[in-house]
PDB file of N, CA and C in Angstrom:
ATOM      1  N   UNK A   1    -132.205 -68.480  53.412  1.00  0.00           N
ATOM      2  CA  UNK A   1    -130.784 -68.236  53.324  1.00  0.00           C
ATOM      3  C   UNK A   1    -130.546 -66.827  52.788  1.00  0.00           C
ATOM      4  N   UNK A   2    -129.504 -66.223  53.284  1.00  0.00           N
ATOM      5  CA  UNK A   2    -129.168 -64.868  52.880  1.00  0.00           C
ATOM      6  C   UNK A   2    -127.832 -64.863  52.146  1.00  0.00           C
ATOM      7  N   UNK A   3    -127.558 -63.769  51.471  1.00  0.00           N
ATOM      8  CA  UNK A   3    -126.267 -63.579  50.800  1.00  0.00           C
ATOM      9  C   UNK A   3    -125.433 -62.630  51.643  1.00  0.00           C
ATOM     10  N   UNK A   4    -124.136 -62.926  51.738  1.00  0.00           N
ATOM     11  CA  UNK A   4    -123.223 -62.187  52.600  1.00  0.00           C
ATOM     12  C   UNK A   4    -121.931 -61.877  51.862  1.00  0.00           C
ATOM     13  N   UNK A   5    -121.248 -60.811  52.302  1.00  0.00           N
ATOM     14  CA  UNK A   5    -119.886 -60.533  51.862  1.00  0.00           C
ATOM     15  C   UNK A   5    -119.045 -60.243  53.100  1.00  0.00           C
ATOM     16  N   UNK A   6    -117.797 -60.631  53.018  1.00  0.00           N
ATOM     17  CA  UNK A   6    -116.823 -60.303  54.052  1.00  0.00           C
ATOM     18  C   UNK A   6    -115.848 -59.328  53.410  1.00  0.00           C
ATOM     19  N   UNK A   7    -115.679 -58.170  54.050  1.00  0.00           N
ATOM     20  CA  UNK A   7    -114.763 -57.167  53.530  1.00  0.00           C
ATOM     21  C   UNK A   7    -113.624 -56.950  54.520  1.00  0.00           C
ATOM     22  N   UNK A   8    -112.495 -56.497  53.984  1.00  0.00           N
ATOM     23  CA  UNK A   8    -111.351 -56.167  54.835  1.00  0.00           C
ATOM     24  C   UNK A   8    -110.836 -54.795  54.445  1.00  0.00           C
ATOM     25  N   UNK A   9    -110.531 -53.998  55.450  1.00  0.00           N
ATOM     26  CA  UNK A   9    -109.930 -52.677  55.266  1.00  0.00           C
ATOM     27  C   UNK A   9    -108.600 -52.695  55.996  1.00  0.00           C
ATOM     28  N   UNK A  10    -107.530 -52.375  55.279  1.00  0.00           N
ATOM     29  CA  UNK A  10    -106.216 -52.285  55.902  1.00  0.00           C
ATOM     30  C   UNK A  10    -106.033 -50.841  56.361  1.00  0.00           C
ATOM     31  N   UNK A  11    -105.838 -50.649  57.651  1.00  0.00           N
ATOM     32  CA  UNK A  11    -105.694 -49.314  58.208  1.00  0.00           C
ATOM     33  C   UNK A  11    -104.284 -48.793  57.964  1.00  0.00           C
ATOM     34  N   UNK A  12    -104.130 -47.493  58.021  1.00  0.00           N
ATOM     35  CA  UNK A  12    -102.828 -46.822  57.873  1.00  0.00           C
ATOM     36  C   UNK A  12    -102.179 -47.050  56.519  1.00  0.00           C
ATOM     37  N   UNK A  13    -102.949 -47.356  55.501  1.00  0.00           N
ATOM     38  CA  UNK A  13    -102.408 -47.497  54.151  1.00  0.00           C
ATOM     39  C   UNK A  13    -103.377 -46.874  53.167  1.00  0.00           C
ATOM     40  N   UNK A  14    -102.938 -46.752  51.940  1.00  0.00           N
ATOM     41  CA  UNK A  14    -103.799 -46.193  50.903  1.00  0.00           C
ATOM     42  C   UNK A  14    -104.651 -47.267  50.215  1.00  0.00           C
ATOM     43  N   UNK A  15    -104.521 -48.521  50.625  1.00  0.00           N
ATOM     44  CA  UNK A  15    -105.270 -49.586  49.974  1.00  0.00           C
ATOM     45  C   UNK A  15    -106.737 -49.526  50.360  1.00  0.00           C
ATOM     46  N   UNK A  16    -107.628 -49.662  49.395  1.00  0.00           N
ATOM     47  CA  UNK A  16    -109.057 -49.545  49.686  1.00  0.00           C
ATOM     48  C   UNK A  16    -109.613 -50.816  50.323  1.00  0.00           C
ATOM     49  N   UNK A  17    -110.852 -50.716  50.711  1.00  0.00           N
ATOM     50  CA  UNK A  17    -111.558 -51.894  51.211  1.00  0.00           C
ATOM     51  C   UNK A  17    -111.723 -52.886  50.069  1.00  0.00           C
ATOM     52  N   UNK A  18    -111.536 -54.153  50.354  1.00  0.00           N
ATOM     53  CA  UNK A  18    -111.713 -55.175  49.316  1.00  0.00           C
ATOM     54  C   UNK A  18    -112.572 -56.312  49.859  1.00  0.00           C
ATOM     55  N   UNK A  19    -113.175 -57.046  48.965  1.00  0.00           N
ATOM     56  CA  UNK A  19    -114.006 -58.185  49.330  1.00  0.00           C
ATOM     57  C   UNK A  19    -113.144 -59.418  49.484  1.00  0.00           C
ATOM     58  N   UNK A  20    -113.272 -60.076  50.616  1.00  0.00           N
ATOM     59  CA  UNK A  20    -112.520 -61.298  50.898  1.00  0.00           C
ATOM     60  C   UNK A  20    -113.305 -62.514  50.430  1.00  0.00           C
ATOM     61  N   UNK A  21    -114.616 -62.505  50.684  1.00  0.00           N
ATOM     62  CA  UNK A  21    -115.438 -63.672  50.331  1.00  0.00           C
ATOM     63  C   UNK A  21    -116.881 -63.252  50.121  1.00  0.00           C
ATOM     64  N   UNK A  22    -117.579 -64.011  49.292  1.00  0.00           N
ATOM     65  CA  UNK A  22    -119.018 -63.882  49.105  1.00  0.00           C
ATOM     66  C   UNK A  22    -119.611 -65.252  49.370  1.00  0.00           C
ATOM     67  N   UNK A  23    -120.690 -65.307  50.153  1.00  0.00           N
ATOM     68  CA  UNK A  23    -121.268 -66.603  50.480  1.00  0.00           C
ATOM     69  C   UNK A  23    -122.762 -66.499  50.694  1.00  0.00           C
ATOM     70  N   UNK A  24    -123.429 -67.621  50.564  1.00  0.00           N
ATOM     71  CA  UNK A  24    -124.853 -67.748  50.857  1.00  0.00           C
ATOM     72  C   UNK A  24    -124.979 -68.694  52.035  1.00  0.00           C
ATOM     73  N   UNK A  25    -125.831 -68.343  52.993  1.00  0.00           N
ATOM     74  CA  UNK A  25    -126.021 -69.204  54.145  1.00  0.00           C
ATOM     75  C   UNK A  25    -126.718 -68.471  55.272  1.00  0.00           C
ATOM     76  N   UNK A  26    -126.717 -69.109  56.424  1.00  0.00           N
ATOM     77  CA  UNK A  26    -127.344 -68.514  57.601  1.00  0.00           C
ATOM     78  C   UNK A  26    -126.394 -67.505  58.239  1.00  0.00           C
ATOM     79  N   UNK A  27    -126.924 -66.727  59.167  1.00  0.00           N
ATOM     80  CA  UNK A  27    -126.098 -65.758  59.887  1.00  0.00           C
ATOM     81  C   UNK A  27    -124.973 -66.480  60.635  1.00  0.00           C
ATOM     82  N   UNK A  28    -125.269 -67.614  61.231  1.00  0.00           N
ATOM     83  CA  UNK A  28    -124.258 -68.355  61.986  1.00  0.00           C
ATOM     84  C   UNK A  28    -123.125 -68.814  61.067  1.00  0.00           C
ATOM     85  N   UNK A  29    -123.474 -69.290  59.876  1.00  0.00           N
ATOM     86  CA  UNK A  29    -122.449 -69.711  58.918  1.00  0.00           C
ATOM     87  C   UNK A  29    -121.602 -68.526  58.469  1.00  0.00           C
ATOM     88  N   UNK A  30    -122.242 -67.383  58.240  1.00  0.00           N
ATOM     89  CA  UNK A  30    -121.519 -66.187  57.816  1.00  0.00           C
ATOM     90  C   UNK A  30    -120.593 -65.688  58.919  1.00  0.00           C
ATOM     91  N   UNK A  31    -121.067 -65.713  60.170  1.00  0.00           N
ATOM     92  CA  UNK A  31    -120.223 -65.280  61.287  1.00  0.00           C
ATOM     93  C   UNK A  31    -119.039 -66.219  61.483  1.00  0.00           C
ATOM     94  N   UNK A  32    -119.244 -67.505  61.265  1.00  0.00           N
ATOM     95  CA  UNK A  32    -118.142 -68.466  61.361  1.00  0.00           C
ATOM     96  C   UNK A  32    -117.111 -68.205  60.258  1.00  0.00           C
ATOM     97  N   UNK A  33    -117.578 -67.887  59.058  1.00  0.00           N
ATOM     98  CA  UNK A  33    -116.667 -67.582  57.950  1.00  0.00           C
ATOM     99  C   UNK A  33    -115.902 -66.287  58.233  1.00  0.00           C
ATOM    100  N   UNK A  34    -116.565 -65.311  58.854  1.00  0.00           N
ATOM    101  CA  UNK A  34    -115.897 -64.064  59.219  1.00  0.00           C
ATOM    102  C   UNK A  34    -114.791 -64.335  60.232  1.00  0.00           C
ATOM    103  N   UNK A  35    -115.076 -65.149  61.228  1.00  0.00           N
ATOM    104  CA  UNK A  35    -114.065 -65.491  62.233  1.00  0.00           C
ATOM    105  C   UNK A  35    -112.885 -66.216  61.584  1.00  0.00           C
ATOM    106  N   UNK A  36    -113.168 -67.153  60.692  1.00  0.00           N
ATOM    107  CA  UNK A  36    -112.093 -67.863  59.983  1.00  0.00           C
ATOM    108  C   UNK A  36    -111.237 -66.890  59.178  1.00  0.00           C
ATOM    109  N   UNK A  37    -111.881 -65.930  58.521  1.00  0.00           N
ATOM    110  CA  UNK A  37    -111.139 -64.934  57.743  1.00  0.00           C
ATOM    111  C   UNK A  37    -110.266 -64.083  58.660  1.00  0.00           C
ATOM    112  N   UNK A  38    -110.791 -63.709  59.833  1.00  0.00           N
ATOM    113  CA  UNK A  38    -110.011 -62.906  60.784  1.00  0.00           C
ATOM    114  C   UNK A  38    -108.786 -63.675  61.276  1.00  0.00           C
ATOM    115  N   UNK A  39    -108.901 -64.978  61.364  1.00  0.00           N
ATOM    116  CA  UNK A  39    -107.795 -65.801  61.859  1.00  0.00           C
ATOM    117  C   UNK A  39    -106.787 -66.173  60.778  1.00  0.00           C
ATOM    118  N   UNK A  40    -107.106 -65.940  59.518  1.00  0.00           N
ATOM    119  CA  UNK A  40    -106.211 -66.373  58.440  1.00  0.00           C
ATOM    120  C   UNK A  40    -105.842 -65.276  57.449  1.00  0.00           C
ATOM    121  N   UNK A  41    -106.604 -64.192  57.375  1.00  0.00           N
ATOM    122  CA  UNK A  41    -106.400 -63.172  56.342  1.00  0.00           C
ATOM    123  C   UNK A  41    -105.048 -62.490  56.484  1.00  0.00           C
ATOM    124  N   UNK A  42    -104.389 -62.285  55.350  1.00  0.00           N
ATOM    125  CA  UNK A  42    -103.151 -61.529  55.288  1.00  0.00           C
ATOM    126  C   UNK A  42    -103.257 -60.554  54.134  1.00  0.00           C
ATOM    127  N   UNK A  43    -102.668 -59.380  54.280  1.00  0.00           N
ATOM    128  CA  UNK A  43    -102.700 -58.424  53.165  1.00  0.00           C
ATOM    129  C   UNK A  43    -102.037 -59.018  51.935  1.00  0.00           C
ATOM    130  N   UNK A  44    -102.568 -58.681  50.765  1.00  0.00           N
ATOM    131  CA  UNK A  44    -102.024 -59.202  49.509  1.00  0.00           C
ATOM    132  C   UNK A  44    -100.593 -58.753  49.285  1.00  0.00           C
ATOM    133  N   UNK A  45    -100.242 -57.613  49.815  1.00  0.00           N
ATOM    134  CA  UNK A  45     -98.941 -57.013  49.567  1.00  0.00           C
ATOM    135  C   UNK A  45     -97.953 -57.278  50.704  1.00  0.00           C
ATOM    136  N   UNK A  46     -98.284 -58.179  51.642  1.00  0.00           N
ATOM    137  CA  UNK A  46     -97.374 -58.480  52.751  1.00  0.00           C
ATOM    138  C   UNK A  46     -96.141 -59.194  52.206  1.00  0.00           C
ATOM    139  N   UNK A  47     -94.984 -58.588  52.402  1.00  0.00           N
ATOM    140  CA  UNK A  47     -93.746 -59.154  51.890  1.00  0.00           C
ATOM    141  C   UNK A  47     -93.107 -60.062  52.939  1.00  0.00           C
ATOM    142  N   UNK A  48     -93.104 -59.591  54.158  1.00  0.00           N
ATOM    143  CA  UNK A  48     -92.457 -60.340  55.234  1.00  0.00           C
ATOM    144  C   UNK A  48     -93.419 -61.333  55.863  1.00  0.00           C
ATOM    145  N   UNK A  49     -92.860 -62.322  56.516  1.00  0.00           N
ATOM    146  CA  UNK A  49     -93.647 -63.356  57.174  1.00  0.00           C
ATOM    147  C   UNK A  49     -94.336 -62.791  58.413  1.00  0.00           C
ATOM    148  N   UNK A  50     -95.586 -63.159  58.592  1.00  0.00           N
ATOM    149  CA  UNK A  50     -96.340 -62.764  59.773  1.00  0.00           C
ATOM    150  C   UNK A  50     -96.016 -63.762  60.881  1.00  0.00           C
ATOM    151  N   UNK A  51     -95.519 -63.249  62.021  1.00  0.00           N
ATOM    152  CA  UNK A  51     -95.103 -64.121  63.115  1.00  0.00           C
ATOM    153  C   UNK A  51     -96.124 -64.178  64.251  1.00  0.00           C
ATOM    154  N   UNK A  52     -96.950 -63.168  64.353  1.00  0.00           N
ATOM    155  CA  UNK A  52     -97.923 -63.125  65.442  1.00  0.00           C
ATOM    156  C   UNK A  52     -99.190 -62.454  64.956  1.00  0.00           C
ATOM    157  N   UNK A  53    -100.323 -62.867  65.537  1.00  0.00           N
ATOM    158  CA  UNK A  53    -101.630 -62.312  65.169  1.00  0.00           C
ATOM    159  C   UNK A  53    -102.453 -62.124  66.434  1.00  0.00           C
ATOM    160  N   UNK A  54    -103.042 -60.936  66.572  1.00  0.00           N
ATOM    161  CA  UNK A  54    -104.004 -60.673  67.639  1.00  0.00           C
ATOM    162  C   UNK A  54    -105.333 -60.359  66.983  1.00  0.00           C
ATOM    163  N   UNK A  55    -106.395 -61.022  67.419  1.00  0.00           N
ATOM    164  CA  UNK A  55    -107.728 -60.821  66.857  1.00  0.00           C
ATOM    165  C   UNK A  55    -108.650 -60.318  67.961  1.00  0.00           C
ATOM    166  N   UNK A  56    -109.227 -59.142  67.757  1.00  0.00           N
ATOM    167  CA  UNK A  56    -110.172 -58.549  68.687  1.00  0.00           C
ATOM    168  C   UNK A  56    -111.541 -58.499  68.017  1.00  0.00           C
ATOM    169  N   UNK A  57    -112.600 -58.710  68.798  1.00  0.00           N
ATOM    170  CA  UNK A  57    -113.948 -58.611  68.246  1.00  0.00           C
ATOM    171  C   UNK A  57    -114.612 -57.348  68.778  1.00  0.00           C
ATOM    172  N   UNK A  58    -115.126 -56.527  67.866  1.00  0.00           N
ATOM    173  CA  UNK A  58    -115.906 -55.351  68.253  1.00  0.00           C
ATOM    174  C   UNK A  58    -117.279 -55.793  68.741  1.00  0.00           C
ATOM    175  N   UNK A  59    -117.963 -54.915  69.443  1.00  0.00           N
ATOM    176  CA  UNK A  59    -119.307 -55.224  69.942  1.00  0.00           C
ATOM    177  C   UNK A  59    -120.292 -55.497  68.806  1.00  0.00           C
ATOM    178  N   UNK A  60    -120.058 -54.896  67.617  1.00  0.00           N
ATOM    179  CA  UNK A  60    -120.968 -55.117  66.488  1.00  0.00           C
ATOM    180  C   UNK A  60    -120.691 -56.422  65.746  1.00  0.00           C
ATOM    181  N   UNK A  61    -119.683 -57.178  66.182  1.00  0.00           N
ATOM    182  CA  UNK A  61    -119.377 -58.465  65.562  1.00  0.00           C
ATOM    183  C   UNK A  61    -118.258 -58.421  64.540  1.00  0.00           C
ATOM    184  N   UNK A  62    -117.753 -57.240  64.193  1.00  0.00           N
ATOM    185  CA  UNK A  62    -116.626 -57.153  63.268  1.00  0.00           C
ATOM    186  C   UNK A  62    -115.326 -57.407  64.045  1.00  0.00           C
ATOM    187  N   UNK A  63    -114.230 -57.577  63.311  1.00  0.00           N
ATOM    188  CA  UNK A  63    -112.964 -57.922  63.944  1.00  0.00           C
ATOM    189  C   UNK A  63    -111.880 -56.916  63.608  1.00  0.00           C
ATOM    190  N   UNK A  64    -111.040 -56.659  64.598  1.00  0.00           N
ATOM    191  CA  UNK A  64    -109.842 -55.836  64.449  1.00  0.00           C
ATOM    192  C   UNK A  64    -108.662 -56.782  64.614  1.00  0.00           C
ATOM    193  N   UNK A  65    -107.804 -56.833  63.606  1.00  0.00           N
ATOM    194  CA  UNK A  65    -106.703 -57.797  63.595  1.00  0.00           C
ATOM    195  C   UNK A  65    -105.378 -57.049  63.509  1.00  0.00           C
ATOM    196  N   UNK A  66    -104.459 -57.386  64.401  1.00  0.00           N
ATOM    197  CA  UNK A  66    -103.099 -56.838  64.379  1.00  0.00           C
ATOM    198  C   UNK A  66    -102.154 -57.957  63.958  1.00  0.00           C
ATOM    199  N   UNK A  67    -101.379 -57.699  62.921  1.00  0.00           N
ATOM    200  CA  UNK A  67    -100.408 -58.667  62.420  1.00  0.00           C
ATOM    201  C   UNK A  67     -99.007 -58.144  62.695  1.00  0.00           C
ATOM    202  N   UNK A  68     -98.174 -59.002  63.255  1.00  0.00           N
ATOM    203  CA  UNK A  68     -96.834 -58.604  63.663  1.00  0.00           C
ATOM    204  C   UNK A  68     -95.783 -59.355  62.855  1.00  0.00           C
ATOM    205  N   UNK A  69     -94.714 -58.653  62.561  1.00  0.00           N
ATOM    206  CA  UNK A  69     -93.536 -59.270  61.963  1.00  0.00           C
ATOM    207  C   UNK A  69     -92.521 -59.520  63.063  1.00  0.00           C
ATOM    208  N   UNK A  70     -91.325 -59.003  62.887  1.00  0.00           N
ATOM    209  CA  UNK A  70     -90.269 -59.211  63.876  1.00  0.00           C
ATOM    210  C   UNK A  70     -90.323 -58.235  65.045  1.00  0.00           C
ATOM    211  N   UNK A  71     -90.973 -57.101  64.878  1.00  0.00           N
ATOM    212  CA  UNK A  71     -90.989 -56.107  65.951  1.00  0.00           C
ATOM    213  C   UNK A  71     -92.212 -56.298  66.842  1.00  0.00           C
ATOM    214  N   UNK A  72     -92.216 -55.552  67.948  1.00  0.00           N
ATOM    215  CA  UNK A  72     -93.355 -55.645  68.864  1.00  0.00           C
ATOM    216  C   UNK A  72     -94.469 -54.664  68.482  1.00  0.00           C
ATOM    217  N   UNK A  73     -94.297 -53.946  67.381  1.00  0.00           N
ATOM    218  CA  UNK A  73     -95.332 -53.053  66.860  1.00  0.00           C
ATOM    219  C   UNK A  73     -96.065 -53.745  65.712  1.00  0.00           C
ATOM    220  N   UNK A  74     -97.394 -53.579  65.633  1.00  0.00           N
ATOM    221  CA  UNK A  74     -98.133 -54.237  64.539  1.00  0.00           C
ATOM    222  C   UNK A  74     -97.656 -53.741  63.177  1.00  0.00           C
ATOM    223  N   UNK A  75     -97.392 -54.666  62.309  1.00  0.00           N
ATOM    224  CA  UNK A  75     -96.991 -54.330  60.938  1.00  0.00           C
ATOM    225  C   UNK A  75     -98.221 -53.959  60.108  1.00  0.00           C
ATOM    226  N   UNK A  76     -99.321 -54.677  60.312  1.00  0.00           N
ATOM    227  CA  UNK A  76    -100.577 -54.419  59.608  1.00  0.00           C
ATOM    228  C   UNK A  76    -101.711 -54.416  60.615  1.00  0.00           C
ATOM    229  N   UNK A  77    -102.695 -53.540  60.374  1.00  0.00           N
ATOM    230  CA  UNK A  77    -103.914 -53.492  61.173  1.00  0.00           C
ATOM    231  C   UNK A  77    -105.088 -53.614  60.206  1.00  0.00           C
ATOM    232  N   UNK A  78    -105.907 -54.613  60.433  1.00  0.00           N
ATOM    233  CA  UNK A  78    -107.031 -54.902  59.536  1.00  0.00           C
ATOM    234  C   UNK A  78    -108.349 -54.805  60.287  1.00  0.00           C
ATOM    235  N   UNK A  79    -109.392 -54.410  59.583  1.00  0.00           N
ATOM    236  CA  UNK A  79    -110.747 -54.478  60.112  1.00  0.00           C
ATOM    237  C   UNK A  79    -111.553 -55.324  59.140  1.00  0.00           C
ATOM    238  N   UNK A  80    -112.104 -56.425  59.640  1.00  0.00           N
ATOM    239  CA  UNK A  80    -112.931 -57.318  58.820  1.00  0.00           C
ATOM    240  C   UNK A  80    -114.383 -57.173  59.239  1.00  0.00           C
ATOM    241  N   UNK A  81    -115.248 -57.031  58.244  1.00  0.00           N
ATOM    242  CA  UNK A  81    -116.671 -56.829  58.512  1.00  0.00           C
ATOM    243  C   UNK A  81    -117.508 -57.788  57.683  1.00  0.00           C
ATOM    244  N   UNK A  82    -118.683 -58.040  58.203  1.00  0.00           N
ATOM    245  CA  UNK A  82    -119.653 -58.895  57.537  1.00  0.00           C
ATOM    246  C   UNK A  82    -120.826 -58.028  57.109  1.00  0.00           C
ATOM    247  N   UNK A  83    -121.259 -58.186  55.868  1.00  0.00           N
ATOM    248  CA  UNK A  83    -122.399 -57.414  55.367  1.00  0.00           C
ATOM    249  C   UNK A  83    -123.415 -58.363  54.732  1.00  0.00           C
ATOM    250  N   UNK A  84    -124.677 -58.144  55.068  1.00  0.00           N
ATOM    251  CA  UNK A  84    -125.769 -58.947  54.514  1.00  0.00           C
ATOM    252  C   UNK A  84    -126.406 -58.187  53.362  1.00  0.00           C
ATOM    253  N   UNK A  85    -126.688 -58.887  52.287  1.00  0.00           N
ATOM    254  CA  UNK A  85    -127.376 -58.285  51.141  1.00  0.00           C
ATOM    255  C   UNK A  85    -128.817 -57.989  51.554  1.00  0.00           C
ATOM    256  N   UNK A  86    -129.225 -56.725  51.438  1.00  0.00           N
ATOM    257  CA  UNK A  86    -130.591 -56.346  51.815  1.00  0.00           C
ATOM    258  C   UNK A  86    -131.423 -55.892  50.628  1.00  0.00           C
ATOM    259  N   UNK A  87    -130.772 -55.557  49.497  1.00  0.00           N
ATOM    260  CA  UNK A  87    -131.505 -55.145  48.306  1.00  0.00           C
ATOM    261  C   UNK A  87    -130.690 -55.529  47.091  1.00  0.00           C
ATOM    262  N   UNK A  88    -131.348 -56.107  46.118  1.00  0.00           N
ATOM    263  CA  UNK A  88    -130.706 -56.470  44.855  1.00  0.00           C
ATOM    264  C   UNK A  88    -131.722 -56.229  43.756  1.00  0.00           C
ATOM    265  N   UNK A  89    -131.584 -55.115  43.065  1.00  0.00           N
ATOM    266  CA  UNK A  89    -132.541 -54.791  42.010  1.00  0.00           C
ATOM    267  C   UNK A  89    -132.214 -55.591  40.755  1.00  0.00           C
ATOM    268  N   UNK A  90    -133.233 -55.936  39.969  1.00  0.00           N
ATOM    269  CA  UNK A  90    -132.965 -56.689  38.746  1.00  0.00           C
ATOM    270  C   UNK A  90    -132.358 -55.804  37.668  1.00  0.00           C
ATOM    271  N   UNK A  91    -131.686 -56.442  36.742  1.00  0.00           N
ATOM    272  CA  UNK A  91    -131.167 -55.720  35.584  1.00  0.00           C
ATOM    273  C   UNK A  91    -132.343 -55.262  34.741  1.00  0.00           C
ATOM    274  N   UNK A  92    -132.235 -54.111  34.080  1.00  0.00           N
ATOM    275  CA  UNK A  92    -133.335 -53.648  33.220  1.00  0.00           C
ATOM    276  C   UNK A  92    -133.581 -54.652  32.103  1.00  0.00           C
ATOM    277  N   UNK A  93    -134.861 -54.848  31.781  1.00  0.00           N
ATOM    278  CA  UNK A  93    -135.203 -55.812  30.740  1.00  0.00           C
ATOM    279  C   UNK A  93    -135.438 -55.153  29.392  1.00  0.00           C
ATOM    280  N   UNK A  94    -135.701 -53.869  29.374  1.00  0.00           N
ATOM    281  CA  UNK A  94    -135.987 -53.224  28.098  1.00  0.00           C
ATOM    282  C   UNK A  94    -134.706 -53.014  27.305  1.00  0.00           C
ATOM    283  N   UNK A  95    -134.863 -53.045  26.012  1.00  0.00           N
ATOM    284  CA  UNK A  95    -133.735 -52.831  25.106  1.00  0.00           C
ATOM    285  C   UNK A  95    -133.365 -51.357  25.095  1.00  0.00           C
ATOM    286  N   UNK A  96    -132.116 -51.101  24.836  1.00  0.00           N
ATOM    287  CA  UNK A  96    -131.692 -49.714  24.678  1.00  0.00           C
ATOM    288  C   UNK A  96    -132.243 -49.194  23.354  1.00  0.00           C
ATOM    289  N   UNK A  97    -132.595 -47.913  23.290  1.00  0.00           N
ATOM    290  CA  UNK A  97    -133.079 -47.383  22.005  1.00  0.00           C
ATOM    291  C   UNK A  97    -131.970 -47.471  20.965  1.00  0.00           C
ATOM    292  N   UNK A  98    -132.383 -47.626  19.713  1.00  0.00           N
ATOM    293  CA  UNK A  98    -131.393 -47.712  18.632  1.00  0.00           C
ATOM    294  C   UNK A  98    -130.548 -46.452  18.609  1.00  0.00           C
ATOM    295  N   UNK A  99    -129.291 -46.664  18.339  1.00  0.00           N
ATOM    296  CA  UNK A  99    -128.376 -45.528  18.253  1.00  0.00           C
ATOM    297  C   UNK A  99    -128.623 -44.789  16.951  1.00  0.00           C
ATOM    298  N   UNK A 100    -128.527 -43.489  17.033  1.00  0.00           N
ATOM    299  CA  UNK A 100    -128.702 -42.689  15.830  1.00  0.00           C
ATOM    300  C   UNK A 100    -127.455 -42.798  14.967  1.00  0.00           C
ATOM    301  N   UNK A 101    -127.689 -42.753  13.700  1.00  0.00           N
ATOM    302  CA  UNK A 101    -126.559 -42.724  12.775  1.00  0.00           C
ATOM    303  C   UNK A 101    -125.857 -41.383  12.900  1.00  0.00           C
ATOM    304  N   UNK A 102    -124.583 -41.329  12.648  1.00  0.00           N
ATOM    305  CA  UNK A 102    -123.854 -40.065  12.799  1.00  0.00           C
ATOM    306  C   UNK A 102    -124.433 -38.922  11.989  1.00  0.00           C
ATOM    307  N   UNK A 103    -124.941 -39.191  10.779  1.00  0.00           N
ATOM    308  CA  UNK A 103    -125.460 -38.080   9.972  1.00  0.00           C
ATOM    309  C   UNK A 103    -126.729 -37.476  10.578  1.00  0.00           C
ATOM    310  N   UNK A 104    -127.444 -38.223  11.436  1.00  0.00           N
ATOM    311  CA  UNK A 104    -128.617 -37.668  12.085  1.00  0.00           C
ATOM    312  C   UNK A 104    -128.255 -36.587  13.097  1.00  0.00           C
ATOM    313  N   UNK A 105    -127.021 -36.605  13.566  1.00  0.00           N
ATOM    314  CA  UNK A 105    -126.600 -35.623  14.554  1.00  0.00           C
ATOM    315  C   UNK A 105    -125.899 -34.425  13.912  1.00  0.00           C
ATOM    316  N   UNK A 106    -125.649 -34.492  12.620  1.00  0.00           N
ATOM    317  CA  UNK A 106    -124.979 -33.401  11.948  1.00  0.00           C
ATOM    318  C   UNK A 106    -126.029 -32.387  11.518  1.00  0.00           C
ATOM    319  N   UNK A 107    -125.838 -31.117  11.880  1.00  0.00           N
ATOM    320  CA  UNK A 107    -126.833 -30.109  11.469  1.00  0.00           C
ATOM    321  C   UNK A 107    -127.003 -30.063   9.956  1.00  0.00           C
ATOM    322  N   UNK A 108    -128.194 -29.681   9.493  1.00  0.00           N
ATOM    323  CA  UNK A 108    -128.588 -29.677   8.099  1.00  0.00           C
ATOM    324  C   UNK A 108    -127.598 -29.055   7.114  1.00  0.00           C
ATOM    325  N   UNK A 109    -127.097 -27.827   7.320  1.00  0.00           N
ATOM    326  CA  UNK A 109    -126.227 -27.216   6.309  1.00  0.00           C
ATOM    327  C   UNK A 109    -124.927 -27.981   6.068  1.00  0.00           C
ATOM    328  N   UNK A 110    -124.492 -28.770   6.999  1.00  0.00           N
ATOM    329  CA  UNK A 110    -123.207 -29.477   6.824  1.00  0.00           C
ATOM    330  C   UNK A 110    -123.368 -30.874   6.272  1.00  0.00           C
ATOM    331  N   UNK A 111    -124.610 -31.316   6.102  1.00  0.00           N
ATOM    332  CA  UNK A 111    -124.817 -32.651   5.530  1.00  0.00           C
ATOM    333  C   UNK A 111    -124.522 -32.640   4.050  1.00  0.00           C
ATOM    334  N   UNK A 112    -124.062 -33.751   3.527  1.00  0.00           N
ATOM    335  CA  UNK A 112    -123.804 -33.859   2.098  1.00  0.00           C
ATOM    336  C   UNK A 112    -124.837 -34.692   1.422  1.00  0.00           C
TER     337      UNK A 112
END
């Protein structure tokens, strides 16, 4: 089993890429979760009701989603991607060196 994340990027806005979901499973399970996210994801800041959704799949398996409000122009454009964890280094096990006391950093002539 592998670890996966699903990310979403909202195009034409200043909002950064964010993680939608983290999951462990097979590639097929992760791709199914990505498709479900493409069919249900809405921007966190969407004020108006979404009335229509178009979902396109790129050749690499990611999705381009157009969300429509009342107009015939997309209100939001999203790109959802699936990423597999390929490297996870362990946390360091050694202790940090003891911190020096402040007087150890004060030059000699100024010490009392």
